[in-house]
């Protein structure tokens, strides 16, 4: 069967999360001889039609954003683009400050130091700031440093913050310039392991955007592409598949095995207003590539044959290039 779609009841075979139902309804499309651009075009057309027919909404164009850009700017791979704020990296400015909270992560390649500028946020009370500090603690952050910009023209004298005494005036000025801060803004800082900073400040960005009514539009769709093939475990350096081990990488099998941590996949997610509606990928259709992925994941030839022999045999007999996408109906 060269292509199909189905509306199916599914049981999720992965760890439970607050936004993942164990049983769900899936709108699933699988095709042969279509590439990612063609699958995304069909899917986007369907979602546009649904919004037009049922909400009388003409969705704006669906921009494409790489996974790397999404995480760097928004701290998450499903960014809510209705909110204009972005995370700004300042690790290079903090490497030589004496304040250990900043310089330690600034000199650690697995960490991040970022700042989030909130327009007009200087009006936030100390009680509100304490509330946001508690909020980021949910995501593992040890605290939430901040600087209120009361009067940008007055230099450091126009700033208010308990951390100013730990930072050279030149560094503070560079941070203000990099964030384009103006009078009335507040700067929130995140400094920790990259995963903690991304989760905490990424979530803070969304909460502030909602609390302060910063949404610039009603609907903001985006395609997130170029996901990494593998996640690297911080503790032991082992690799796990970001999506699943049957996703096709965008490189050759030789390049994959030479640098697995740097390999990108031919995967794509549709995101609207910070919610992933669905995702898919082009699958592996060559046995050599599938075996390379298994090797990178530490799956021996014997284990691969025992668990996935049916698949490897099918691939050896010839399998067309194929891919698909699945949407969660509840989403």
C-alpha atoms as a PDB file:
ATOM      1  CA  UNK A   1       0.000   0.000   0.000  1.00  0.00           C
ATOM      2  CA  UNK A   2       1.842   3.108  -1.175  1.00  0.00           C
ATOM      3  CA  UNK A   3       0.136   5.680   1.077  1.00  0.00           C
ATOM      4  CA  UNK A   4      -2.642   5.818   3.620  1.00  0.00           C
ATOM      5  CA  UNK A   5      -4.226   7.885   6.339  1.00  0.00           C
ATOM      6  CA  UNK A   6      -6.035   6.683   9.400  1.00  0.00           C
ATOM      7  CA  UNK A   7      -7.849   8.009  12.451  1.00  0.00           C
ATOM      8  CA  UNK A   8      -6.770   5.547  15.131  1.00  0.00           C
ATOM      9  CA  UNK A   9      -7.017   4.975  18.879  1.00  0.00           C
ATOM     10  CA  UNK A  10      -3.491   4.667  20.262  1.00  0.00           C
ATOM     11  CA  UNK A  11      -1.843   3.801  23.552  1.00  0.00           C
ATOM     12  CA  UNK A  12       1.298   5.832  24.179  1.00  0.00           C
ATOM     13  CA  UNK A  13       4.439   3.739  24.760  1.00  0.00           C
ATOM     14  CA  UNK A  14       6.565   6.390  26.483  1.00  0.00           C
ATOM     15  CA  UNK A  15       6.969   8.107  29.836  1.00  0.00           C
ATOM     16  CA  UNK A  16       3.884   9.924  31.085  1.00  0.00           C
ATOM     17  CA  UNK A  17       3.865  13.723  31.021  1.00  0.00           C
ATOM     18  CA  UNK A  18       1.272  16.278  32.043  1.00  0.00           C
ATOM     19  CA  UNK A  19       0.463  17.129  28.407  1.00  0.00           C
ATOM     20  CA  UNK A  20       0.583  13.547  27.088  1.00  0.00           C
ATOM     21  CA  UNK A  21      -2.500  11.359  27.459  1.00  0.00           C
ATOM     22  CA  UNK A  22      -1.833   7.605  27.811  1.00  0.00           C
ATOM     23  CA  UNK A  23      -4.668   6.897  25.352  1.00  0.00           C
ATOM     24  CA  UNK A  24      -5.365   9.274  22.515  1.00  0.00           C
ATOM     25  CA  UNK A  25      -6.800   9.591  19.020  1.00  0.00           C
ATOM     26  CA  UNK A  26      -4.306  10.083  16.217  1.00  0.00           C
ATOM     27  CA  UNK A  27      -4.738  11.442  12.701  1.00  0.00           C
ATOM     28  CA  UNK A  28      -1.953   9.636  10.917  1.00  0.00           C
ATOM     29  CA  UNK A  29      -0.608   9.911   7.380  1.00  0.00           C
ATOM     30  CA  UNK A  30       2.105   7.685   5.901  1.00  0.00           C
ATOM     31  CA  UNK A  31       3.363   7.973   2.344  1.00  0.00           C
ATOM     32  CA  UNK A  32       5.999   6.570   0.045  1.00  0.00           C
ATOM     33  CA  UNK A  33       7.988   8.675  -2.435  1.00  0.00           C
ATOM     34  CA  UNK A  34       7.226  12.018  -0.734  1.00  0.00           C
ATOM     35  CA  UNK A  35       9.887  14.160   0.932  1.00  0.00           C
ATOM     36  CA  UNK A  36       9.509  16.346   4.029  1.00  0.00           C
ATOM     37  CA  UNK A  37       8.572  19.483   2.053  1.00  0.00           C
ATOM     38  CA  UNK A  38       5.702  17.692   0.342  1.00  0.00           C
ATOM     39  CA  UNK A  39       4.408  16.126   3.560  1.00  0.00           C
ATOM     40  CA  UNK A  40       4.551  19.477   5.360  1.00  0.00           C
ATOM     41  CA  UNK A  41       2.723  21.154   2.454  1.00  0.00           C
ATOM     42  CA  UNK A  42      -0.143  18.632   2.584  1.00  0.00           C
ATOM     43  CA  UNK A  43      -0.398  18.876   6.386  1.00  0.00           C
ATOM     44  CA  UNK A  44      -0.303  22.647   6.438  1.00  0.00           C
ATOM     45  CA  UNK A  45      -3.029  22.801   3.795  1.00  0.00           C
ATOM     46  CA  UNK A  46      -5.226  20.528   5.933  1.00  0.00           C
ATOM     47  CA  UNK A  47      -4.771  22.632   9.097  1.00  0.00           C
ATOM     48  CA  UNK A  48      -5.421  25.850   7.157  1.00  0.00           C
ATOM     49  CA  UNK A  49      -8.666  24.360   5.830  1.00  0.00           C
ATOM     50  CA  UNK A  50      -9.778  23.264   9.321  1.00  0.00           C
ATOM     51  CA  UNK A  51      -9.178  26.761  10.748  1.00  0.00           C
ATOM     52  CA  UNK A  52     -10.931  28.394   7.785  1.00  0.00           C
ATOM     53  CA  UNK A  53     -14.006  26.149   7.848  1.00  0.00           C
ATOM     54  CA  UNK A  54     -14.559  25.916  11.582  1.00  0.00           C
ATOM     55  CA  UNK A  55     -13.172  29.180  12.987  1.00  0.00           C
ATOM     56  CA  UNK A  56     -13.308  31.390   9.871  1.00  0.00           C
ATOM     57  CA  UNK A  57      -9.629  32.135  10.507  1.00  0.00           C
ATOM     58  CA  UNK A  58      -7.052  32.618   7.770  1.00  0.00           C
ATOM     59  CA  UNK A  59      -3.860  31.416   9.385  1.00  0.00           C
ATOM     60  CA  UNK A  60      -0.683  33.401   8.684  1.00  0.00           C
ATOM     61  CA  UNK A  61       2.138  31.740   6.813  1.00  0.00           C
ATOM     62  CA  UNK A  62       3.909  28.878   8.587  1.00  0.00           C
ATOM     63  CA  UNK A  63       7.548  29.938   8.993  1.00  0.00           C
ATOM     64  CA  UNK A  64      10.243  27.298   9.449  1.00  0.00           C
ATOM     65  CA  UNK A  65      12.586  27.401  12.397  1.00  0.00           C
ATOM     66  CA  UNK A  66      15.423  25.037  13.229  1.00  0.00           C
ATOM     67  CA  UNK A  67      15.405  23.207  16.544  1.00  0.00           C
ATOM     68  CA  UNK A  68      18.647  24.992  17.476  1.00  0.00           C
ATOM     69  CA  UNK A  69      17.170  28.443  16.839  1.00  0.00           C
ATOM     70  CA  UNK A  70      13.997  27.585  18.787  1.00  0.00           C
ATOM     71  CA  UNK A  71      15.922  26.432  21.858  1.00  0.00           C
ATOM     72  CA  UNK A  72      18.403  29.333  21.735  1.00  0.00           C
ATOM     73  CA  UNK A  73      15.738  32.043  21.404  1.00  0.00           C
ATOM     74  CA  UNK A  74      12.810  30.515  23.295  1.00  0.00           C
ATOM     75  CA  UNK A  75      14.264  27.744  25.471  1.00  0.00           C
ATOM     76  CA  UNK A  76      11.920  25.148  24.013  1.00  0.00           C
ATOM     77  CA  UNK A  77      11.362  23.212  20.766  1.00  0.00           C
ATOM     78  CA  UNK A  78       7.695  24.281  20.594  1.00  0.00           C
ATOM     79  CA  UNK A  79       7.918  28.081  20.859  1.00  0.00           C
ATOM     80  CA  UNK A  80       4.900  30.322  21.389  1.00  0.00           C
ATOM     81  CA  UNK A  81       5.589  33.010  18.789  1.00  0.00           C
ATOM     82  CA  UNK A  82       2.688  35.206  19.917  1.00  0.00           C
ATOM     83  CA  UNK A  83       5.037  36.481  22.650  1.00  0.00           C
ATOM     84  CA  UNK A  84       7.757  38.853  21.347  1.00  0.00           C
ATOM     85  CA  UNK A  85      10.355  38.235  24.099  1.00  0.00           C
ATOM     86  CA  UNK A  86      13.475  36.172  23.397  1.00  0.00           C
ATOM     87  CA  UNK A  87      16.296  34.719  25.476  1.00  0.00           C
ATOM     88  CA  UNK A  88      19.602  36.532  24.913  1.00  0.00           C
ATOM     89  CA  UNK A  89      22.889  34.703  25.543  1.00  0.00           C
ATOM     90  CA  UNK A  90      25.396  36.637  27.659  1.00  0.00           C
ATOM     91  CA  UNK A  91      27.851  33.894  28.724  1.00  0.00           C
ATOM     92  CA  UNK A  92      30.702  35.676  26.921  1.00  0.00           C
ATOM     93  CA  UNK A  93      30.085  38.796  29.048  1.00  0.00           C
ATOM     94  CA  UNK A  94      30.053  36.846  32.324  1.00  0.00           C
ATOM     95  CA  UNK A  95      33.182  34.692  31.976  1.00  0.00           C
ATOM     96  CA  UNK A  96      35.417  37.017  33.975  1.00  0.00           C
ATOM     97  CA  UNK A  97      33.038  38.471  36.574  1.00  0.00           C
ATOM     98  CA  UNK A  98      33.773  37.525  40.191  1.00  0.00           C
ATOM     99  CA  UNK A  99      30.123  36.567  40.820  1.00  0.00           C
ATOM    100  CA  UNK A 100      30.316  32.755  40.883  1.00  0.00           C
ATOM    101  CA  UNK A 101      26.608  32.336  40.121  1.00  0.00           C
ATOM    102  CA  UNK A 102      27.363  33.733  36.649  1.00  0.00           C
ATOM    103  CA  UNK A 103      31.011  32.939  35.928  1.00  0.00           C
ATOM    104  CA  UNK A 104      30.810  29.211  36.754  1.00  0.00           C
ATOM    105  CA  UNK A 105      28.118  28.397  34.153  1.00  0.00           C
ATOM    106  CA  UNK A 106      29.628  30.960  31.756  1.00  0.00           C
ATOM    107  CA  UNK A 107      32.825  28.876  31.674  1.00  0.00           C
ATOM    108  CA  UNK A 108      31.029  25.503  31.415  1.00  0.00           C
ATOM    109  CA  UNK A 109      30.227  24.277  27.889  1.00  0.00           C
ATOM    110  CA  UNK A 110      27.178  22.344  29.140  1.00  0.00           C
ATOM    111  CA  UNK A 111      25.642  25.442  30.759  1.00  0.00           C
ATOM    112  CA  UNK A 112      23.995  28.700  29.668  1.00  0.00           C
ATOM    113  CA  UNK A 113      23.785  32.250  30.949  1.00  0.00           C
ATOM    114  CA  UNK A 114      20.849  34.168  29.454  1.00  0.00           C
ATOM    115  CA  UNK A 115      18.855  37.297  30.079  1.00  0.00           C
ATOM    116  CA  UNK A 116      15.164  37.900  29.358  1.00  0.00           C
ATOM    117  CA  UNK A 117      14.157  41.541  28.886  1.00  0.00           C
ATOM    118  CA  UNK A 118      10.560  42.359  29.844  1.00  0.00           C
ATOM    119  CA  UNK A 119       9.320  45.626  28.360  1.00  0.00           C
ATOM    120  CA  UNK A 120       7.680  47.735  31.084  1.00  0.00           C
ATOM    121  CA  UNK A 121       8.502  45.092  33.673  1.00  0.00           C
ATOM    122  CA  UNK A 122      10.083  47.534  36.132  1.00  0.00           C
ATOM    123  CA  UNK A 123       6.560  48.086  37.483  1.00  0.00           C
ATOM    124  CA  UNK A 124       6.545  44.539  38.892  1.00  0.00           C
ATOM    125  CA  UNK A 125       6.411  44.518  42.694  1.00  0.00           C
ATOM    126  CA  UNK A 126       8.864  42.621  44.878  1.00  0.00           C
ATOM    127  CA  UNK A 127       6.036  40.229  45.758  1.00  0.00           C
ATOM    128  CA  UNK A 128       5.432  39.503  42.063  1.00  0.00           C
ATOM    129  CA  UNK A 129       9.160  38.951  41.460  1.00  0.00           C
ATOM    130  CA  UNK A 130       9.259  36.543  44.425  1.00  0.00           C
ATOM    131  CA  UNK A 131       6.336  34.704  42.848  1.00  0.00           C
ATOM    132  CA  UNK A 132       8.236  34.335  39.571  1.00  0.00           C
ATOM    133  CA  UNK A 133      11.301  33.161  41.537  1.00  0.00           C
ATOM    134  CA  UNK A 134       9.178  30.394  43.067  1.00  0.00           C
ATOM    135  CA  UNK A 135       7.830  29.595  39.599  1.00  0.00           C
ATOM    136  CA  UNK A 136      11.254  28.989  38.012  1.00  0.00           C
ATOM    137  CA  UNK A 137      12.138  26.848  41.018  1.00  0.00           C
ATOM    138  CA  UNK A 138       9.620  24.297  39.720  1.00  0.00           C
ATOM    139  CA  UNK A 139      11.998  23.759  36.781  1.00  0.00           C
ATOM    140  CA  UNK A 140      15.119  23.350  38.913  1.00  0.00           C
ATOM    141  CA  UNK A 141      16.370  26.955  38.930  1.00  0.00           C
ATOM    142  CA  UNK A 142      18.076  27.884  42.217  1.00  0.00           C
ATOM    143  CA  UNK A 143      16.927  31.494  42.029  1.00  0.00           C
ATOM    144  CA  UNK A 144      16.039  34.375  39.718  1.00  0.00           C
ATOM    145  CA  UNK A 145      18.418  37.338  39.495  1.00  0.00           C
ATOM    146  CA  UNK A 146      16.961  40.592  38.167  1.00  0.00           C
ATOM    147  CA  UNK A 147      17.788  44.206  37.337  1.00  0.00           C
ATOM    148  CA  UNK A 148      15.163  46.954  37.112  1.00  0.00           C
ATOM    149  CA  UNK A 149      15.989  49.694  34.588  1.00  0.00           C
ATOM    150  CA  UNK A 150      14.395  52.748  36.208  1.00  0.00           C
ATOM    151  CA  UNK A 151      16.357  55.383  34.269  1.00  0.00           C
ATOM    152  CA  UNK A 152      18.647  54.205  31.457  1.00  0.00           C
ATOM    153  CA  UNK A 153      20.156  57.711  31.038  1.00  0.00           C
ATOM    154  CA  UNK A 154      21.447  57.676  34.632  1.00  0.00           C
ATOM    155  CA  UNK A 155      23.722  54.691  34.009  1.00  0.00           C
ATOM    156  CA  UNK A 156      24.224  52.310  36.926  1.00  0.00           C
ATOM    157  CA  UNK A 157      22.654  54.881  39.274  1.00  0.00           C
ATOM    158  CA  UNK A 158      19.382  54.411  37.401  1.00  0.00           C
ATOM    159  CA  UNK A 159      19.333  50.658  38.001  1.00  0.00           C
ATOM    160  CA  UNK A 160      17.898  48.710  40.926  1.00  0.00           C
ATOM    161  CA  UNK A 161      19.049  45.197  41.820  1.00  0.00           C
ATOM    162  CA  UNK A 162      20.635  43.176  44.638  1.00  0.00           C
ATOM    163  CA  UNK A 163      23.237  41.764  42.190  1.00  0.00           C
ATOM    164  CA  UNK A 164      24.706  45.056  40.921  1.00  0.00           C
ATOM    165  CA  UNK A 165      27.423  45.060  43.601  1.00  0.00           C
ATOM    166  CA  UNK A 166      28.786  41.794  42.159  1.00  0.00           C
ATOM    167  CA  UNK A 167      29.051  43.029  38.557  1.00  0.00           C
ATOM    168  CA  UNK A 168      31.516  45.510  37.020  1.00  0.00           C
ATOM    169  CA  UNK A 169      29.858  48.601  35.561  1.00  0.00           C
ATOM    170  CA  UNK A 170      31.239  47.808  32.105  1.00  0.00           C
ATOM    171  CA  UNK A 171      29.610  44.351  32.114  1.00  0.00           C
ATOM    172  CA  UNK A 172      26.270  45.812  33.212  1.00  0.00           C
ATOM    173  CA  UNK A 173      26.472  48.375  30.416  1.00  0.00           C
ATOM    174  CA  UNK A 174      27.225  45.651  27.857  1.00  0.00           C
ATOM    175  CA  UNK A 175      24.202  43.640  29.039  1.00  0.00           C
ATOM    176  CA  UNK A 176      21.957  46.703  28.702  1.00  0.00           C
ATOM    177  CA  UNK A 177      23.241  47.317  25.173  1.00  0.00           C
ATOM    178  CA  UNK A 178      22.892  43.696  24.066  1.00  0.00           C
ATOM    179  CA  UNK A 179      19.278  43.535  25.253  1.00  0.00           C
ATOM    180  CA  UNK A 180      18.394  47.039  23.960  1.00  0.00           C
ATOM    181  CA  UNK A 181      17.014  47.813  27.414  1.00  0.00           C
ATOM    182  CA  UNK A 182      15.164  51.097  27.969  1.00  0.00           C
ATOM    183  CA  UNK A 183      13.741  52.894  30.995  1.00  0.00           C
ATOM    184  CA  UNK A 184      10.906  50.922  32.580  1.00  0.00           C
ATOM    185  CA  UNK A 185      12.200  47.446  31.618  1.00  0.00           C
ATOM    186  CA  UNK A 186      13.269  44.610  33.884  1.00  0.00           C
ATOM    187  CA  UNK A 187      15.936  42.017  33.083  1.00  0.00           C
ATOM    188  CA  UNK A 188      15.626  38.461  34.412  1.00  0.00           C
ATOM    189  CA  UNK A 189      18.717  36.233  34.403  1.00  0.00           C
ATOM    190  CA  UNK A 190      19.140  32.468  34.092  1.00  0.00           C
ATOM    191  CA  UNK A 191      22.482  30.774  34.823  1.00  0.00           C
ATOM    192  CA  UNK A 192      22.770  27.004  35.232  1.00  0.00           C
ATOM    193  CA  UNK A 193      22.965  23.796  33.224  1.00  0.00           C
ATOM    194  CA  UNK A 194      21.558  24.479  29.745  1.00  0.00           C
ATOM    195  CA  UNK A 195      18.587  22.159  30.252  1.00  0.00           C
ATOM    196  CA  UNK A 196      17.566  23.929  33.482  1.00  0.00           C
ATOM    197  CA  UNK A 197      17.978  27.414  31.982  1.00  0.00           C
ATOM    198  CA  UNK A 198      16.007  26.458  28.877  1.00  0.00           C
ATOM    199  CA  UNK A 199      13.165  24.916  30.884  1.00  0.00           C
ATOM    200  CA  UNK A 200      12.991  27.602  33.568  1.00  0.00           C
ATOM    201  CA  UNK A 201      13.483  30.803  31.554  1.00  0.00           C
ATOM    202  CA  UNK A 202      11.557  29.383  28.593  1.00  0.00           C
ATOM    203  CA  UNK A 203       8.561  28.741  30.879  1.00  0.00           C
ATOM    204  CA  UNK A 204       9.007  32.133  32.572  1.00  0.00           C
ATOM    205  CA  UNK A 205       8.868  33.808  29.154  1.00  0.00           C
ATOM    206  CA  UNK A 206       5.467  32.233  28.441  1.00  0.00           C
ATOM    207  CA  UNK A 207       4.078  32.976  31.915  1.00  0.00           C
ATOM    208  CA  UNK A 208       5.155  36.625  31.774  1.00  0.00           C
ATOM    209  CA  UNK A 209       3.743  36.933  28.262  1.00  0.00           C
ATOM    210  CA  UNK A 210       0.359  35.707  29.462  1.00  0.00           C
ATOM    211  CA  UNK A 211       0.359  37.551  32.804  1.00  0.00           C
ATOM    212  CA  UNK A 212       1.298  40.898  31.216  1.00  0.00           C
ATOM    213  CA  UNK A 213      -0.964  40.501  28.148  1.00  0.00           C
ATOM    214  CA  UNK A 214       1.955  40.581  25.711  1.00  0.00           C
ATOM    215  CA  UNK A 215       0.387  38.340  23.019  1.00  0.00           C
ATOM    216  CA  UNK A 216       0.843  40.120  19.678  1.00  0.00           C
ATOM    217  CA  UNK A 217      -1.480  37.925  17.626  1.00  0.00           C
ATOM    218  CA  UNK A 218      -4.196  35.306  18.134  1.00  0.00           C
ATOM    219  CA  UNK A 219      -2.528  32.498  16.181  1.00  0.00           C
ATOM    220  CA  UNK A 220       1.176  31.872  15.568  1.00  0.00           C
ATOM    221  CA  UNK A 221       2.013  28.661  13.666  1.00  0.00           C
ATOM    222  CA  UNK A 222       5.553  27.452  12.985  1.00  0.00           C
ATOM    223  CA  UNK A 223       7.300  24.368  11.628  1.00  0.00           C
ATOM    224  CA  UNK A 224      10.244  23.258  13.780  1.00  0.00           C
ATOM    225  CA  UNK A 225      12.797  21.323  11.704  1.00  0.00           C
ATOM    226  CA  UNK A 226      16.363  19.979  11.844  1.00  0.00           C
ATOM    227  CA  UNK A 227      16.021  18.197  15.168  1.00  0.00           C
ATOM    228  CA  UNK A 228      19.145  16.471  16.462  1.00  0.00           C
ATOM    229  CA  UNK A 229      19.173  12.718  15.911  1.00  0.00           C
ATOM    230  CA  UNK A 230      20.191  11.951  19.497  1.00  0.00           C
ATOM    231  CA  UNK A 231      20.027  13.284  23.034  1.00  0.00           C
ATOM    232  CA  UNK A 232      23.235  13.022  25.069  1.00  0.00           C
ATOM    233  CA  UNK A 233      22.854  11.877  28.685  1.00  0.00           C
ATOM    234  CA  UNK A 234      24.588  14.420  30.976  1.00  0.00           C
ATOM    235  CA  UNK A 235      25.659  11.717  33.433  1.00  0.00           C
ATOM    236  CA  UNK A 236      27.206   8.964  31.326  1.00  0.00           C
ATOM    237  CA  UNK A 237      27.350  10.454  27.800  1.00  0.00           C
ATOM    238  CA  UNK A 238      25.114   7.721  26.353  1.00  0.00           C
ATOM    239  CA  UNK A 239      22.857   8.510  23.394  1.00  0.00           C
ATOM    240  CA  UNK A 240      19.098   8.073  23.003  1.00  0.00           C
ATOM    241  CA  UNK A 241      16.918   8.852  19.974  1.00  0.00           C
ATOM    242  CA  UNK A 242      15.206  12.232  20.101  1.00  0.00           C
ATOM    243  CA  UNK A 243      12.182  10.874  18.216  1.00  0.00           C
ATOM    244  CA  UNK A 244      12.673   7.171  17.502  1.00  0.00           C
ATOM    245  CA  UNK A 245      15.505   5.054  16.052  1.00  0.00           C
ATOM    246  CA  UNK A 246      13.786   4.718  12.643  1.00  0.00           C
ATOM    247  CA  UNK A 247      14.007   8.447  11.807  1.00  0.00           C
ATOM    248  CA  UNK A 248      16.285   9.149   8.865  1.00  0.00           C
ATOM    249  CA  UNK A 249      19.320  11.357   9.500  1.00  0.00           C
ATOM    250  CA  UNK A 250      20.193  14.098   7.046  1.00  0.00           C
ATOM    251  CA  UNK A 251      23.759  12.780   6.643  1.00  0.00           C
ATOM    252  CA  UNK A 252      25.415   9.588   5.399  1.00  0.00           C
ATOM    253  CA  UNK A 253      25.838   6.544   7.637  1.00  0.00           C
ATOM    254  CA  UNK A 254      29.613   7.200   7.727  1.00  0.00           C
ATOM    255  CA  UNK A 255      29.084  10.802   8.894  1.00  0.00           C
ATOM    256  CA  UNK A 256      26.516   9.618  11.424  1.00  0.00           C
ATOM    257  CA  UNK A 257      28.891   7.154  13.080  1.00  0.00           C
ATOM    258  CA  UNK A 258      31.800   9.627  12.976  1.00  0.00           C
ATOM    259  CA  UNK A 259      29.832  12.376  14.786  1.00  0.00           C
ATOM    260  CA  UNK A 260      26.512  11.084  16.149  1.00  0.00           C
ATOM    261  CA  UNK A 261      26.030  13.936  18.638  1.00  0.00           C
ATOM    262  CA  UNK A 262      26.165  16.461  15.778  1.00  0.00           C
ATOM    263  CA  UNK A 263      23.839  14.594  13.389  1.00  0.00           C
ATOM    264  CA  UNK A 264      20.521  16.154  12.411  1.00  0.00           C
ATOM    265  CA  UNK A 265      17.352  14.263  11.556  1.00  0.00           C
ATOM    266  CA  UNK A 266      14.764  14.678   8.807  1.00  0.00           C
ATOM    267  CA  UNK A 267      12.049  15.299  11.397  1.00  0.00           C
ATOM    268  CA  UNK A 268       9.484  18.094  11.628  1.00  0.00           C
ATOM    269  CA  UNK A 269       6.903  19.283  14.181  1.00  0.00           C
ATOM    270  CA  UNK A 270       3.931  21.572  13.590  1.00  0.00           C
ATOM    271  CA  UNK A 271       3.520  24.006  16.489  1.00  0.00           C
ATOM    272  CA  UNK A 272       0.750  26.549  17.053  1.00  0.00           C
ATOM    273  CA  UNK A 273       0.733  28.939  20.042  1.00  0.00           C
ATOM    274  CA  UNK A 274       3.365  26.895  21.852  1.00  0.00           C
ATOM    275  CA  UNK A 275       1.537  23.573  21.460  1.00  0.00           C
ATOM    276  CA  UNK A 276       2.871  20.777  19.279  1.00  0.00           C
ATOM    277  CA  UNK A 277      -0.090  19.652  17.179  1.00  0.00           C
ATOM    278  CA  UNK A 278       1.773  16.841  15.504  1.00  0.00           C
ATOM    279  CA  UNK A 279       5.100  15.633  14.276  1.00  0.00           C
ATOM    280  CA  UNK A 280       6.635  13.306  11.771  1.00  0.00           C
ATOM    281  CA  UNK A 281       9.742  12.350   9.890  1.00  0.00           C
ATOM    282  CA  UNK A 282      11.207  10.717   6.840  1.00  0.00           C
ATOM    283  CA  UNK A 283      12.023   7.125   7.831  1.00  0.00           C
ATOM    284  CA  UNK A 284      15.132   5.065   7.221  1.00  0.00           C
ATOM    285  CA  UNK A 285      14.707   2.811   4.165  1.00  0.00           C
ATOM    286  CA  UNK A 286      18.228   1.361   3.835  1.00  0.00           C
ATOM    287  CA  UNK A 287      19.464  -1.525   6.039  1.00  0.00           C
ATOM    288  CA  UNK A 288      23.003  -0.049   6.247  1.00  0.00           C
ATOM    289  CA  UNK A 289      21.696   3.206   7.713  1.00  0.00           C
ATOM    290  CA  UNK A 290      19.411   1.390  10.158  1.00  0.00           C
ATOM    291  CA  UNK A 291      22.306  -0.742  11.372  1.00  0.00           C
ATOM    292  CA  UNK A 292      24.452   2.391  11.801  1.00  0.00           C
ATOM    293  CA  UNK A 293      21.771   3.946  14.033  1.00  0.00           C
ATOM    294  CA  UNK A 294      21.568   0.757  16.097  1.00  0.00           C
ATOM    295  CA  UNK A 295      25.365   0.747  16.511  1.00  0.00           C
ATOM    296  CA  UNK A 296      25.389   4.384  17.654  1.00  0.00           C
ATOM    297  CA  UNK A 297      22.711   3.534  20.240  1.00  0.00           C
ATOM    298  CA  UNK A 298      24.821   0.652  21.538  1.00  0.00           C
ATOM    299  CA  UNK A 299      22.528  -2.058  20.140  1.00  0.00           C
ATOM    300  CA  UNK A 300      24.613  -5.060  19.080  1.00  0.00           C
ATOM    301  CA  UNK A 301      24.049  -6.898  15.802  1.00  0.00           C
ATOM    302  CA  UNK A 302      22.647  -9.865  17.770  1.00  0.00           C
ATOM    303  CA  UNK A 303      20.217  -7.697  19.764  1.00  0.00           C
ATOM    304  CA  UNK A 304      19.175  -5.809  16.624  1.00  0.00           C
ATOM    305  CA  UNK A 305      18.457  -9.067  14.839  1.00  0.00           C
ATOM    306  CA  UNK A 306      16.512 -10.436  17.799  1.00  0.00           C
ATOM    307  CA  UNK A 307      14.366  -7.320  18.304  1.00  0.00           C
ATOM    308  CA  UNK A 308      14.198  -5.861  14.791  1.00  0.00           C
ATOM    309  CA  UNK A 309      15.098  -8.741  12.477  1.00  0.00           C
ATOM    310  CA  UNK A 310      11.735  -8.478  10.717  1.00  0.00           C
ATOM    311  CA  UNK A 311      12.467  -4.822   9.853  1.00  0.00           C
ATOM    312  CA  UNK A 312      16.072  -5.363   8.747  1.00  0.00           C
ATOM    313  CA  UNK A 313      14.994  -8.251   6.507  1.00  0.00           C
ATOM    314  CA  UNK A 314      12.258  -6.138   4.956  1.00  0.00           C
ATOM    315  CA  UNK A 315      14.754  -3.345   4.281  1.00  0.00           C
ATOM    316  CA  UNK A 316      17.186  -5.808   2.658  1.00  0.00           C
ATOM    317  CA  UNK A 317      14.508  -6.900   0.185  1.00  0.00           C
ATOM    318  CA  UNK A 318      13.921  -3.288  -0.822  1.00  0.00           C
ATOM    319  CA  UNK A 319      11.885  -0.536   0.771  1.00  0.00           C
ATOM    320  CA  UNK A 320      10.800   2.718  -0.870  1.00  0.00           C
ATOM    321  CA  UNK A 321      11.705   6.074   0.671  1.00  0.00           C
ATOM    322  CA  UNK A 322       8.802   6.952   2.943  1.00  0.00           C
ATOM    323  CA  UNK A 323       7.659   9.280   5.689  1.00  0.00           C
ATOM    324  CA  UNK A 324       4.634  10.663   7.418  1.00  0.00           C
ATOM    325  CA  UNK A 325       3.139  12.753  10.158  1.00  0.00           C
ATOM    326  CA  UNK A 326       0.628  12.221  12.961  1.00  0.00           C
ATOM    327  CA  UNK A 327      -1.594  14.775  14.713  1.00  0.00           C
ATOM    328  CA  UNK A 328      -3.164  14.318  18.121  1.00  0.00           C
ATOM    329  CA  UNK A 329      -6.886  14.913  17.595  1.00  0.00           C
ATOM    330  CA  UNK A 330      -7.313  16.222  21.186  1.00  0.00           C
ATOM    331  CA  UNK A 331      -4.669  18.850  20.569  1.00  0.00           C
END
